C-alpha atoms as a PDB file:
ATOM      1  CA  MET A   1      -3.066   8.107  -7.349  1.00  0.00           C
ATOM      2  CA  LYS A   2      -0.315   6.828  -5.583  1.00  0.00           C
ATOM      3  CA  GLN A   3       1.601   8.556  -2.122  1.00  0.00           C
ATOM      4  CA  MET A   4       5.118   9.018  -0.662  1.00  0.00           C
ATOM      5  CA  THR A   5       6.419  11.181   2.612  1.00  0.00           C
ATOM      6  CA  CYS A   6       8.461  14.005   2.348  1.00  0.00           C
ATOM      7  CA  ASN A   7      11.096  11.490   4.394  1.00  0.00           C
ATOM      8  CA  GLU A   8      10.839   8.903   1.734  1.00  0.00           C
ATOM      9  CA  LEU A   9      11.562  11.200  -0.805  1.00  0.00           C
ATOM     10  CA  GLY A  10      15.080  12.375   0.675  1.00  0.00           C
ATOM     11  CA  GLY A  11      13.171  15.058   2.955  1.00  0.00           C
ATOM     12  CA  ALA A  12      12.555  15.822   6.486  1.00  0.00           C
ATOM     13  CA  CYS A  13       9.297  15.064   7.859  1.00  0.00           C
ATOM     14  CA  ASP A  14       6.089  12.778   7.518  1.00  0.00           C
ATOM     15  CA  CYS A  15       4.329  15.072   4.642  1.00  0.00           C
ATOM     16  CA  THR A  16       1.994  13.427   2.409  1.00  0.00           C
ATOM     17  CA  PHE A  17       2.047  13.511  -1.299  1.00  0.00           C
ATOM     18  CA  GLU A  18      -0.117  12.569  -3.898  1.00  0.00           C
ATOM     19  CA  ALA A  19       0.492  11.862  -7.150  1.00  0.00           C
ATOM     20  CA  ASP A  20      -0.148   9.696 -10.319  1.00  0.00           C
ATOM     21  CA  SER A  21       3.745  10.198 -11.734  1.00  0.00           C
ATOM     22  CA  PHE A  22       7.395  10.054 -10.471  1.00  0.00           C
ATOM     23  CA  GLU A  23       7.534  13.216 -12.059  1.00  0.00           C
ATOM     24  CA  GLU A  24       4.719  14.791 -10.396  1.00  0.00           C
ATOM     25  CA  ILE A  25       5.624  13.413  -7.115  1.00  0.00           C
ATOM     26  CA  ALA A  26       8.782  14.523  -6.937  1.00  0.00           C
ATOM     27  CA  GLN A  27       8.126  18.515  -8.111  1.00  0.00           C
ATOM     28  CA  LEU A  28       5.385  18.157  -4.676  1.00  0.00           C
ATOM     29  CA  SER A  29       8.203  17.529  -3.295  1.00  0.00           C
ATOM     30  CA  ARG A  30      10.248  20.192  -4.586  1.00  0.00           C
ATOM     31  CA  ASN A  31       7.928  22.987  -3.809  1.00  0.00           C
ATOM     32  CA  HIS A  32       6.988  21.460  -0.603  1.00  0.00           C
ATOM     33  CA  GLY A  33      11.349  21.717   0.319  1.00  0.00           C
ATOM     34  CA  ILE A  34      11.652  24.661  -1.114  1.00  0.00           C
ATOM     35  CA  GLU A  35       8.512  26.242   1.365  1.00  0.00           C
ATOM     36  CA  MET A  36       9.965  24.444   4.100  1.00  0.00           C
ATOM     37  CA  LEU A  37      13.358  25.994   3.467  1.00  0.00           C
ATOM     38  CA  LYS A  38      11.499  29.890   3.113  1.00  0.00           C
ATOM     39  CA  ASN A  39      10.319  29.203   6.618  1.00  0.00           C
ATOM     40  CA  GLY A  40      13.493  28.840   7.818  1.00  0.00           C
ATOM     41  CA  ASP A  41      12.800  24.880   8.851  1.00  0.00           C
ATOM     42  CA  ALA A  42      16.876  23.435   9.823  1.00  0.00           C
ATOM     43  CA  PRO A  43      15.791  19.962   9.002  1.00  0.00           C
ATOM     44  CA  HIS A  44      15.441  20.960   5.319  1.00  0.00           C
ATOM     45  CA  ARG A  45      17.861  22.375   4.628  1.00  0.00           C
ATOM     46  CA  ASP A  46      20.111  19.327   6.555  1.00  0.00           C
ATOM     47  CA  ALA A  47      17.868  17.179   4.025  1.00  0.00           C
ATOM     48  CA  LEU A  48      18.496  19.916   1.163  1.00  0.00           C
ATOM     49  CA  ASN A  49      22.299  19.689   1.686  1.00  0.00           C
ATOM     50  CA  LYS A  50      22.588  16.403   1.747  1.00  0.00           C
ATOM     51  CA  ILE A  51      20.893  16.176  -1.641  1.00  0.00           C
ATOM     52  CA  GLN A  52      23.569  18.694  -3.158  1.00  0.00           C
ATOM     53  CA  GLU A  53      26.414  16.739  -1.836  1.00  0.00           C
ATOM     54  CA  LEU A  54      25.752  14.018  -3.506  1.00  0.00           C
ATOM     55  CA  MET A  55      24.584  15.578  -6.940  1.00  0.00           C
ATOM     56  CA  GLN A  56      28.618  15.923  -6.889  1.00  0.00           C
ATOM     57  CA  ASP A  57      28.420  12.707  -8.233  1.00  0.00           C
ATOM     58  CA  SER A  58      26.778  11.582 -10.918  1.00  0.00           C
ATOM     59  CA  ILE A  59      26.113   7.877 -10.967  1.00  0.00           C
ATOM     60  CA  ALA A  60      25.638   8.077  -6.889  1.00  0.00           C
ATOM     61  CA  MET A  61      22.312  10.743  -8.262  1.00  0.00           C
ATOM     62  CA  GLN A  62      20.853   8.125 -10.930  1.00  0.00           C
ATOM     63  CA  ASP A  63      21.012   5.525  -8.345  1.00  0.00           C
ATOM     64  CA  TRP A  64      19.426   7.531  -6.012  1.00  0.00           C
ATOM     65  CA  MET A  65      17.134   8.823  -8.126  1.00  0.00           C
ATOM     66  CA  ASP A  66      16.454   4.644  -9.522  1.00  0.00           C
ATOM     67  CA  LYS A  67      15.827   3.679  -5.928  1.00  0.00           C
ATOM     68  CA  LYS A  68      13.489   6.442  -5.363  1.00  0.00           C
ATOM     69  CA  ARG A  69      11.021   5.363  -8.748  1.00  0.00           C
ATOM     70  CA  ALA A  70      11.380   1.832  -7.966  1.00  0.00           C
ATOM     71  CA  LEU A  71       9.618   2.218  -4.393  1.00  0.00           C
ATOM     72  CA  PHE A  72       6.842   5.031  -6.450  1.00  0.00           C
ATOM     73  CA  ALA A  73       5.468   2.221  -9.332  1.00  0.00           C
ATOM     74  CA  ALA A  74       6.003  -0.528  -6.095  1.00  0.00           C
ATOM     75  CA  ARG A  75       3.248   1.148  -4.354  1.00  0.00           C
END
């Protein structure tokens, strides 16, 4: 079981997620982000906006994902 925080996954807080795979931890992070957006959390909204901007460039997005996967793998 590995841990990463919301911040490490591109979010806006120190909430910690635990999972056995990067895909699982990414899904936990997404679910958390959705919940925070529903609650009107501005820092999480800003973090989502940054990720959405990144998604406009597929190469930059792939590079970002590769770095997050590597960070997870290093745990």
